[in-house]
Amino acid sequence: MPFSFDSYLSVHEPALHLRAKRAQVLASNLANVDTPNYKARDIDFQAALKTVRGGQTAGMLRGTHANHIQPQSFISGYELQYRNPYQASLDGNTVEHQVEMAAYSDNAMRYLANLRFLSGKFNTLRTAIKGQ
């Protein structure tokens, strides 16, 4: 019976990559909290995960050659979206420190949960191979 890591690891592997990308975006927002006219960005995680898992790229920009430059608004086939601020800033910056910190903390917690699920999957495989 053939074994497929893709089916065994399920959603955890692409979710881990998406969580890492989202952490980069949120960290960029936090780094620019005092930059005038900076617009906070985020990834719609659920929509991005569906896109990555289903291979859907309809309506998305994509490179047809390895040397093509990817637009800044797209990361690996899913679109970065602008975050709407709860309270507008006078300098045009839409980053709200508390919102970004909460989103970053939530993302980090979920990233660690994905790592634990993957660790459990690999421990199960190791046990099956060793027979103990």
C-alpha atoms as a PDB file:
ATOM      1  CA  MET A   1       0.000   0.000   0.000  1.00  0.00           C
ATOM      2  CA  PRO A   2       1.587   3.320  -1.063  1.00  0.00           C
ATOM      3  CA  PHE A   3       2.218   5.977   1.560  1.00  0.00           C
ATOM      4  CA  SER A   4       1.756   9.681   0.861  1.00  0.00           C
ATOM      5  CA  PHE A   5       3.230  12.312   3.173  1.00  0.00           C
ATOM      6  CA  ASP A   6       0.878  14.887   1.664  1.00  0.00           C
ATOM      7  CA  SER A   7      -2.211  13.008   2.763  1.00  0.00           C
ATOM      8  CA  TYR A   8      -0.667  12.024   6.110  1.00  0.00           C
ATOM      9  CA  LEU A   9       0.408  15.553   7.057  1.00  0.00           C
ATOM     10  CA  SER A  10      -2.928  16.915   5.888  1.00  0.00           C
ATOM     11  CA  VAL A  11      -3.518  20.615   6.373  1.00  0.00           C
ATOM     12  CA  HIS A  12      -0.723  21.172   8.902  1.00  0.00           C
ATOM     13  CA  GLU A  13       2.152  21.545   6.444  1.00  0.00           C
ATOM     14  CA  PRO A  14       0.646  24.310   4.255  1.00  0.00           C
ATOM     15  CA  ALA A  15      -0.844  25.971   7.354  1.00  0.00           C
ATOM     16  CA  LEU A  16       2.618  26.156   8.900  1.00  0.00           C
ATOM     17  CA  HIS A  17       3.978  27.942   5.820  1.00  0.00           C
ATOM     18  CA  LEU A  18       1.041  30.361   5.782  1.00  0.00           C
ATOM     19  CA  ARG A  19       1.446  31.109   9.481  1.00  0.00           C
ATOM     20  CA  ALA A  20       5.137  31.896   8.907  1.00  0.00           C
ATOM     21  CA  LYS A  21       4.272  34.260   6.036  1.00  0.00           C
ATOM     22  CA  ARG A  22       1.571  35.925   8.124  1.00  0.00           C
ATOM     23  CA  ALA A  23       4.067  36.406  10.965  1.00  0.00           C
ATOM     24  CA  GLN A  24       6.349  38.260   8.529  1.00  0.00           C
ATOM     25  CA  VAL A  25       3.500  40.523   7.407  1.00  0.00           C
ATOM     26  CA  LEU A  26       2.401  41.270  10.978  1.00  0.00           C
ATOM     27  CA  ALA A  27       5.997  41.923  12.071  1.00  0.00           C
ATOM     28  CA  SER A  28       6.344  44.357   9.187  1.00  0.00           C
ATOM     29  CA  ASN A  29       3.227  46.160  10.398  1.00  0.00           C
ATOM     30  CA  LEU A  30       4.640  46.390  13.924  1.00  0.00           C
ATOM     31  CA  ALA A  31       7.988  47.646  12.634  1.00  0.00           C
ATOM     32  CA  ASN A  32       6.201  50.468  10.802  1.00  0.00           C
ATOM     33  CA  VAL A  33       3.883  51.547  13.605  1.00  0.00           C
ATOM     34  CA  ASP A  34       5.340  55.093  13.538  1.00  0.00           C
ATOM     35  CA  THR A  35       5.841  55.422   9.772  1.00  0.00           C
ATOM     36  CA  PRO A  36       3.592  58.145   8.310  1.00  0.00           C
ATOM     37  CA  ASN A  37       1.127  56.933   5.644  1.00  0.00           C
ATOM     38  CA  TYR A  38       2.033  53.258   6.199  1.00  0.00           C
ATOM     39  CA  LYS A  39      -0.933  50.991   5.516  1.00  0.00           C
ATOM     40  CA  ALA A  40      -1.288  47.889   7.695  1.00  0.00           C
ATOM     41  CA  ARG A  41      -1.541  44.625   5.736  1.00  0.00           C
ATOM     42  CA  ASP A  42      -2.736  41.148   6.623  1.00  0.00           C
ATOM     43  CA  ILE A  43      -3.537  37.782   5.093  1.00  0.00           C
ATOM     44  CA  ASP A  44      -7.042  36.312   5.115  1.00  0.00           C
ATOM     45  CA  PHE A  45      -5.779  33.016   6.518  1.00  0.00           C
ATOM     46  CA  GLN A  46      -8.846  30.885   5.770  1.00  0.00           C
ATOM     47  CA  ALA A  47      -9.092  32.036   2.152  1.00  0.00           C
ATOM     48  CA  ALA A  48      -5.332  31.661   1.663  1.00  0.00           C
ATOM     49  CA  LEU A  49      -5.351  28.136   3.084  1.00  0.00           C
ATOM     50  CA  LYS A  50      -8.191  27.147   0.736  1.00  0.00           C
ATOM     51  CA  THR A  51      -6.217  28.617  -2.164  1.00  0.00           C
ATOM     52  CA  VAL A  52      -3.013  26.811  -1.223  1.00  0.00           C
ATOM     53  CA  ARG A  53      -4.709  23.461  -0.516  1.00  0.00           C
ATOM     54  CA  GLY A  54      -6.961  23.550  -3.562  1.00  0.00           C
ATOM     55  CA  GLY A  55      -4.362  24.908  -5.935  1.00  0.00           C
ATOM     56  CA  GLN A  56      -6.781  27.676  -6.910  1.00  0.00           C
ATOM     57  CA  THR A  57      -5.052  30.594  -8.554  1.00  0.00           C
ATOM     58  CA  ALA A  58      -7.931  32.013 -10.584  1.00  0.00           C
ATOM     59  CA  GLY A  59      -7.903  35.779 -10.527  1.00  0.00           C
ATOM     60  CA  MET A  60      -4.472  35.887  -8.908  1.00  0.00           C
ATOM     61  CA  LEU A  61      -1.274  37.144 -10.456  1.00  0.00           C
ATOM     62  CA  ARG A  62       1.362  34.508 -10.944  1.00  0.00           C
ATOM     63  CA  GLY A  63       4.765  34.277 -12.536  1.00  0.00           C
ATOM     64  CA  THR A  64       5.138  32.037 -15.541  1.00  0.00           C
ATOM     65  CA  HIS A  65       8.912  31.901 -15.238  1.00  0.00           C
ATOM     66  CA  ALA A  66      11.191  31.407 -12.242  1.00  0.00           C
ATOM     67  CA  ASN A  67      12.930  34.750 -12.896  1.00  0.00           C
ATOM     68  CA  HIS A  68       9.736  36.823 -12.800  1.00  0.00           C
ATOM     69  CA  ILE A  69       9.433  39.326  -9.970  1.00  0.00           C
ATOM     70  CA  GLN A  70       6.403  38.737  -7.780  1.00  0.00           C
ATOM     71  CA  PRO A  71       4.307  41.863  -7.058  1.00  0.00           C
ATOM     72  CA  GLN A  72       4.496  43.085  -3.446  1.00  0.00           C
ATOM     73  CA  SER A  73       0.770  42.661  -2.927  1.00  0.00           C
ATOM     74  CA  PHE A  74       0.948  38.915  -3.561  1.00  0.00           C
ATOM     75  CA  ILE A  75       2.781  36.205  -1.657  1.00  0.00           C
ATOM     76  CA  SER A  76       2.737  32.685  -3.069  1.00  0.00           C
ATOM     77  CA  GLY A  77      -0.614  32.994  -4.830  1.00  0.00           C
ATOM     78  CA  TYR A  78      -2.699  34.775  -2.220  1.00  0.00           C
ATOM     79  CA  GLU A  79      -3.369  38.457  -1.894  1.00  0.00           C
ATOM     80  CA  LEU A  80      -2.300  40.656   0.986  1.00  0.00           C
ATOM     81  CA  GLN A  81      -5.183  42.794   2.137  1.00  0.00           C
ATOM     82  CA  TYR A  82      -5.222  46.197   3.787  1.00  0.00           C
ATOM     83  CA  ARG A  83      -6.448  46.329   7.356  1.00  0.00           C
ATOM     84  CA  ASN A  84      -9.162  48.868   8.189  1.00  0.00           C
ATOM     85  CA  PRO A  85      -8.250  50.805  11.346  1.00  0.00           C
ATOM     86  CA  TYR A  86     -10.673  51.154  14.250  1.00  0.00           C
ATOM     87  CA  GLN A  87      -9.501  54.724  14.762  1.00  0.00           C
ATOM     88  CA  ALA A  88      -7.879  56.789  12.021  1.00  0.00           C
ATOM     89  CA  SER A  89      -4.467  58.322  12.665  1.00  0.00           C
ATOM     90  CA  LEU A  90      -3.643  61.929  11.809  1.00  0.00           C
ATOM     91  CA  ASP A  91      -0.483  60.937   9.901  1.00  0.00           C
ATOM     92  CA  GLY A  92      -2.303  58.405   7.679  1.00  0.00           C
ATOM     93  CA  ASN A  93      -0.789  55.340   9.364  1.00  0.00           C
ATOM     94  CA  THR A  94      -3.345  52.525   9.766  1.00  0.00           C
ATOM     95  CA  VAL A  95      -1.238  50.340  12.098  1.00  0.00           C
ATOM     96  CA  GLU A  96      -2.811  49.956  15.543  1.00  0.00           C
ATOM     97  CA  HIS A  97      -0.252  48.548  17.930  1.00  0.00           C
ATOM     98  CA  GLN A  98      -2.696  46.634  20.150  1.00  0.00           C
ATOM     99  CA  VAL A  99      -4.495  45.051  17.197  1.00  0.00           C
ATOM    100  CA  GLU A 100      -1.228  43.999  15.567  1.00  0.00           C
ATOM    101  CA  MET A 101       0.166  42.579  18.826  1.00  0.00           C
ATOM    102  CA  ALA A 102      -3.026  40.575  19.399  1.00  0.00           C
ATOM    103  CA  ALA A 103      -2.968  39.245  15.819  1.00  0.00           C
ATOM    104  CA  TYR A 104       0.752  38.416  16.099  1.00  0.00           C
ATOM    105  CA  SER A 105       0.266  36.594  19.418  1.00  0.00           C
ATOM    106  CA  ASP A 106      -2.698  34.630  18.069  1.00  0.00           C
ATOM    107  CA  ASN A 107      -0.749  33.705  14.946  1.00  0.00           C
ATOM    108  CA  ALA A 108       2.273  32.611  17.015  1.00  0.00           C
ATOM    109  CA  MET A 109       0.094  30.426  19.248  1.00  0.00           C
ATOM    110  CA  ARG A 110      -1.509  28.773  16.222  1.00  0.00           C
ATOM    111  CA  TYR A 111       1.916  28.314  14.597  1.00  0.00           C
ATOM    112  CA  LEU A 112       3.115  26.433  17.689  1.00  0.00           C
ATOM    113  CA  ALA A 113      -0.067  24.325  17.673  1.00  0.00           C
ATOM    114  CA  ASN A 114       0.642  23.350  14.045  1.00  0.00           C
ATOM    115  CA  LEU A 115       4.208  22.423  15.024  1.00  0.00           C
ATOM    116  CA  ARG A 116       2.907  20.212  17.834  1.00  0.00           C
ATOM    117  CA  PHE A 117       0.472  18.449  15.514  1.00  0.00           C
ATOM    118  CA  LEU A 118       3.267  17.822  13.007  1.00  0.00           C
ATOM    119  CA  SER A 119       5.586  16.637  15.767  1.00  0.00           C
ATOM    120  CA  GLY A 120       2.925  14.172  16.890  1.00  0.00           C
ATOM    121  CA  LYS A 121       2.499  12.899  13.341  1.00  0.00           C
ATOM    122  CA  PHE A 122       6.240  12.310  12.976  1.00  0.00           C
ATOM    123  CA  ASN A 123       6.462  10.653  16.401  1.00  0.00           C
ATOM    124  CA  THR A 124       3.696   8.292  15.324  1.00  0.00           C
ATOM    125  CA  LEU A 125       5.623   7.446  12.145  1.00  0.00           C
ATOM    126  CA  ARG A 126       8.832   6.911  14.106  1.00  0.00           C
ATOM    127  CA  THR A 127       7.012   4.568  16.490  1.00  0.00           C
ATOM    128  CA  ALA A 128       5.518   2.626  13.563  1.00  0.00           C
ATOM    129  CA  ILE A 129       8.934   2.266  11.914  1.00  0.00           C
ATOM    130  CA  LYS A 130      10.754   1.225  15.098  1.00  0.00           C
ATOM    131  CA  GLY A 131       7.924  -1.013  16.239  1.00  0.00           C
ATOM    132  CA  GLN A 132       8.079   0.115  19.857  1.00  0.00           C
END
